[in-house]
Amino acid sequence: MSLGIVLLFSTAAALPQPAHAGASAGMGVTYSSSRELVDLVNGTTGAQEKLAEFHAGAEFFVNVSIPLSEEWVLKLDYGYQVASYNIATVFETAQFTLTQHCPTIIIQHVLAEQGVFNLKAGAGIGYHFGSLAERFLYIDNSFSGKGPGVIAELEGNTALGEHLFIHLGVNARWELIGELTDSSGKFPGTTSSGGHPTLNSFGVGARMGITYYFF
């Protein structure tokens, strides 16, 4: 009798569990290529070096996950990204600071849901906002742009307790943030092709944080 109860309990524990509503928060790192931005920075007057095309930055994120079924989850995600593109010149260091606000709607497919851990893959789109602050000699200006962004991601959560989970994720991003302008509508310069700089980019990132499930 006792053996049967143990076997029944073990079998039930191994069965897939339904997805649950939850909220996550944490931080991560990004590694992205924004060619037009890097060309703009490298074109700074008196520059003594050239920045590499790929550049690292930091991200802070929060999101809410809402189950649509046992296999599908709707995630409302907000990421705040910041990166410094500083370059040495014959005068002083020119400082370029990039910030991006990235609200995104993501649809996830549940690959595994076992109660104590889960694994989900997703893709989504949002309308994102970017800002570039330039500080160099007498220059103190900010430029902004906006446009769509697309993300593909893989997310895993593993239990610390009944409701609290460690959140881990990796993603790839495509940003189509358009031409940069300041408050008066001026552009920060021109690209090698004669156009105006944008914040178009491709990048990959990793996230770590905490998830709380409401179940």
Protein backbone atom coordinates (compact mmCIF):
# COMPACT_ATOMS: atom_id res chain seq x y z
CA MET A 1 0.00 0.00 0.00
CA SER A 2 2.71 2.49 1.04
CA LEU A 3 4.78 1.54 -2.01
CA GLY A 4 1.80 2.27 -4.26
CA ILE A 5 1.32 5.71 -2.69
CA VAL A 6 5.03 6.53 -3.18
CA LEU A 7 4.90 5.44 -6.82
CA LEU A 8 1.74 7.46 -7.42
CA PHE A 9 3.29 10.55 -5.83
CA SER A 10 6.52 10.17 -7.85
CA THR A 11 4.59 9.77 -11.10
CA ALA A 12 2.46 12.83 -10.39
CA ALA A 13 5.53 14.91 -9.55
CA ALA A 14 7.11 14.01 -12.90
CA LEU A 15 4.08 15.00 -14.96
CA PRO A 16 4.21 18.30 -16.85
CA GLN A 17 2.66 21.19 -14.91
CA PRO A 18 0.48 23.96 -16.36
CA ALA A 19 2.15 27.33 -16.96
CA HIS A 20 1.60 29.97 -14.28
CA ALA A 21 1.38 33.75 -14.22
CA GLY A 22 4.53 35.39 -12.92
CA ALA A 23 6.70 38.51 -12.78
CA SER A 24 10.46 38.75 -13.33
CA ALA A 25 13.12 41.40 -12.77
CA GLY A 26 16.88 41.52 -13.04
CA MET A 27 19.79 42.70 -15.13
CA GLY A 28 21.90 41.48 -18.00
CA VAL A 29 24.57 42.25 -20.55
CA THR A 30 24.22 43.10 -24.23
CA TYR A 31 26.73 42.79 -27.03
CA SER A 32 25.61 44.64 -30.13
CA SER A 33 26.69 46.00 -33.48
CA SER A 34 25.46 49.51 -34.31
CA ARG A 35 27.60 50.35 -37.32
CA GLU A 36 26.32 53.86 -37.99
CA LEU A 37 26.68 54.84 -34.33
CA VAL A 38 30.26 53.53 -34.20
CA ASP A 39 31.10 55.37 -37.46
CA LEU A 40 29.72 58.57 -35.92
CA VAL A 41 31.86 58.16 -32.79
CA ASN A 42 34.97 57.23 -34.79
CA GLY A 43 34.51 60.40 -36.83
CA THR A 44 34.96 62.62 -33.77
CA THR A 45 37.38 65.49 -34.42
CA GLY A 46 40.91 64.57 -33.33
CA ALA A 47 40.07 60.92 -32.53
CA GLN A 48 43.19 58.92 -31.65
CA GLU A 49 41.64 55.45 -31.89
CA LYS A 50 38.90 53.49 -33.59
CA LEU A 51 36.17 51.71 -31.67
CA ALA A 52 35.27 48.14 -32.62
CA GLU A 53 31.92 47.59 -34.31
CA PHE A 54 30.59 45.32 -31.53
CA HIS A 55 30.15 46.94 -28.14
CA ALA A 56 29.05 45.75 -24.68
CA GLY A 57 26.40 47.38 -22.53
CA ALA A 58 24.13 46.74 -19.55
CA GLU A 59 20.41 46.02 -19.39
CA PHE A 60 17.84 46.20 -16.60
CA PHE A 61 14.52 44.45 -17.15
CA VAL A 62 11.10 43.70 -15.71
CA ASN A 63 8.32 41.62 -17.23
CA VAL A 64 4.99 39.95 -16.55
CA SER A 65 4.02 36.53 -17.95
CA ILE A 66 0.38 35.60 -18.57
CA PRO A 67 -0.49 32.01 -19.60
CA LEU A 68 -2.72 31.73 -22.67
CA SER A 69 -2.83 27.92 -22.53
CA GLU A 70 -0.66 25.05 -21.28
CA GLU A 71 1.71 25.62 -24.21
CA TRP A 72 1.60 29.35 -24.86
CA VAL A 73 2.47 32.37 -22.71
CA LEU A 74 2.09 36.11 -23.33
CA LYS A 75 4.98 38.13 -21.88
CA LEU A 76 4.97 41.92 -21.49
CA ASP A 77 8.62 42.92 -21.27
CA TYR A 78 10.42 46.20 -20.60
CA GLY A 79 14.18 46.54 -20.94
CA TYR A 80 16.32 49.60 -20.23
CA GLN A 81 19.70 49.45 -21.93
CA VAL A 82 22.73 51.69 -21.45
CA ALA A 83 26.16 51.68 -23.12
CA SER A 84 29.11 54.08 -23.23
CA TYR A 85 30.96 54.81 -26.48
CA ASN A 86 33.87 56.92 -25.20
CA ILE A 87 36.82 57.69 -27.45
CA ALA A 88 40.18 59.39 -26.80
CA THR A 89 41.01 62.50 -28.84
CA VAL A 90 43.95 64.91 -29.00
CA PHE A 91 41.85 67.32 -26.91
CA GLU A 92 40.04 65.20 -24.30
CA THR A 93 37.91 62.08 -24.09
CA ALA A 94 34.70 62.42 -26.09
CA GLN A 95 31.79 60.83 -24.25
CA PHE A 96 28.85 59.25 -26.05
CA THR A 97 26.18 57.57 -23.91
CA LEU A 98 23.47 55.44 -25.51
CA THR A 99 20.24 54.63 -23.67
CA GLN A 100 17.31 52.63 -25.03
CA HIS A 101 13.80 51.99 -23.72
CA CYS A 102 12.53 48.70 -25.12
CA PRO A 103 8.92 47.74 -24.30
CA THR A 104 8.14 44.49 -26.13
CA ILE A 105 5.23 42.06 -26.47
CA ILE A 106 6.53 38.46 -26.65
CA ILE A 107 4.74 35.20 -27.37
CA GLN A 108 6.45 32.20 -25.75
CA HIS A 109 6.08 28.49 -26.43
CA VAL A 110 6.52 26.29 -23.37
CA LEU A 111 9.17 23.66 -24.15
CA ALA A 112 9.17 22.14 -20.66
CA GLU A 113 7.17 22.81 -17.49
CA GLN A 114 7.95 20.49 -14.60
CA GLY A 115 6.96 22.56 -11.58
CA VAL A 116 10.48 23.02 -10.22
CA PHE A 117 11.80 24.30 -13.57
CA ASN A 118 10.56 25.47 -16.94
CA LEU A 119 11.98 26.29 -20.36
CA LYS A 120 10.36 28.60 -22.91
CA ALA A 121 11.25 29.93 -26.36
CA GLY A 122 9.70 33.10 -27.69
CA ALA A 123 9.69 35.93 -30.19
CA GLY A 124 8.20 39.38 -30.07
CA ILE A 125 8.07 42.93 -31.33
CA GLY A 126 7.84 46.36 -29.78
CA TYR A 127 8.25 50.07 -30.46
CA HIS A 128 11.54 51.24 -28.98
CA PHE A 129 13.07 54.60 -28.10
CA GLY A 130 16.75 55.48 -28.15
CA SER A 131 18.77 58.48 -26.99
CA LEU A 132 22.41 59.44 -27.61
CA ALA A 133 24.09 62.02 -25.36
CA GLU A 134 27.27 63.65 -26.69
CA ARG A 135 29.72 65.48 -24.39
CA PHE A 136 32.91 66.83 -26.03
CA LEU A 137 34.70 70.18 -25.65
CA TYR A 138 31.95 72.80 -26.08
CA ILE A 139 29.43 70.22 -27.36
CA ASP A 140 26.70 69.13 -24.94
CA ASN A 141 23.79 67.73 -26.90
CA SER A 142 21.34 64.83 -26.98
CA PHE A 143 19.78 63.09 -29.97
CA SER A 144 16.88 60.69 -30.06
CA GLY A 145 15.19 58.25 -32.39
CA LYS A 146 12.43 55.66 -32.36
CA GLY A 147 11.31 52.63 -34.28
CA PRO A 148 10.43 48.94 -34.12
CA GLY A 149 12.50 46.28 -32.42
CA VAL A 150 12.34 42.48 -32.74
CA ILE A 151 13.55 39.88 -30.25
CA ALA A 152 14.00 36.09 -30.21
CA GLU A 153 14.71 34.51 -26.85
CA LEU A 154 15.18 31.38 -24.77
CA GLU A 155 14.17 31.57 -21.10
CA GLY A 156 14.56 29.17 -18.20
CA ASN A 157 13.44 29.36 -14.56
CA THR A 158 14.49 27.03 -11.75
CA ALA A 159 12.98 26.91 -8.27
CA LEU A 160 14.45 28.46 -5.14
CA GLY A 161 11.22 27.88 -3.23
CA GLU A 162 7.51 27.39 -3.77
CA HIS A 163 7.01 30.72 -5.54
CA LEU A 164 10.50 32.10 -6.07
CA PHE A 165 12.63 31.05 -9.07
CA ILE A 166 16.01 31.96 -10.58
CA HIS A 167 15.50 33.51 -14.00
CA LEU A 168 18.03 32.91 -16.81
CA GLY A 169 17.71 33.98 -20.43
CA VAL A 170 19.52 34.54 -23.71
CA ASN A 171 18.28 36.55 -26.65
CA ALA A 172 18.99 38.03 -30.06
CA ARG A 173 17.74 41.50 -30.98
CA TRP A 174 17.23 43.55 -34.13
CA GLU A 175 16.66 47.27 -33.58
CA LEU A 176 15.30 49.52 -36.34
CA ILE A 177 15.44 52.78 -34.41
CA GLY A 178 15.48 55.49 -37.05
CA GLU A 179 17.35 58.72 -37.70
CA LEU A 180 18.73 60.64 -34.73
CA THR A 181 17.70 64.27 -34.24
CA ASP A 182 18.07 66.77 -31.42
CA SER A 183 15.32 68.98 -29.96
CA SER A 184 15.61 71.41 -32.87
CA GLY A 185 15.48 68.68 -35.52
CA LYS A 186 19.21 68.71 -36.34
CA PHE A 187 21.17 65.55 -37.14
CA PRO A 188 24.45 64.60 -35.40
CA GLY A 189 26.27 64.23 -38.72
CA THR A 190 26.24 62.07 -41.82
CA THR A 191 27.20 58.47 -42.51
CA SER A 192 29.79 57.30 -45.03
CA SER A 193 26.95 56.79 -47.52
CA GLY A 194 25.76 60.36 -47.07
CA GLY A 195 22.69 59.57 -44.96
CA HIS A 196 21.89 60.50 -41.39
CA PRO A 197 22.95 58.23 -38.48
CA THR A 198 20.43 55.82 -37.00
CA LEU A 199 20.46 53.42 -34.07
CA ASN A 200 19.82 50.38 -36.25
CA SER A 201 21.60 47.43 -34.67
CA PHE A 202 21.86 43.70 -34.14
CA GLY A 203 22.85 42.23 -30.81
CA VAL A 204 22.82 39.29 -28.45
CA GLY A 205 22.32 39.35 -24.72
CA ALA A 206 22.08 37.36 -21.52
CA ARG A 207 19.84 37.99 -18.51
CA MET A 208 19.77 36.87 -14.88
CA GLY A 209 17.20 37.71 -12.25
CA ILE A 210 14.36 36.53 -10.06
CA THR A 211 10.91 35.27 -11.05
CA TYR A 212 7.92 35.14 -8.71
CA TYR A 213 5.06 32.85 -9.76
CA PHE A 214 1.54 33.49 -8.47
CA PHE A 215 0.42 29.90 -7.70
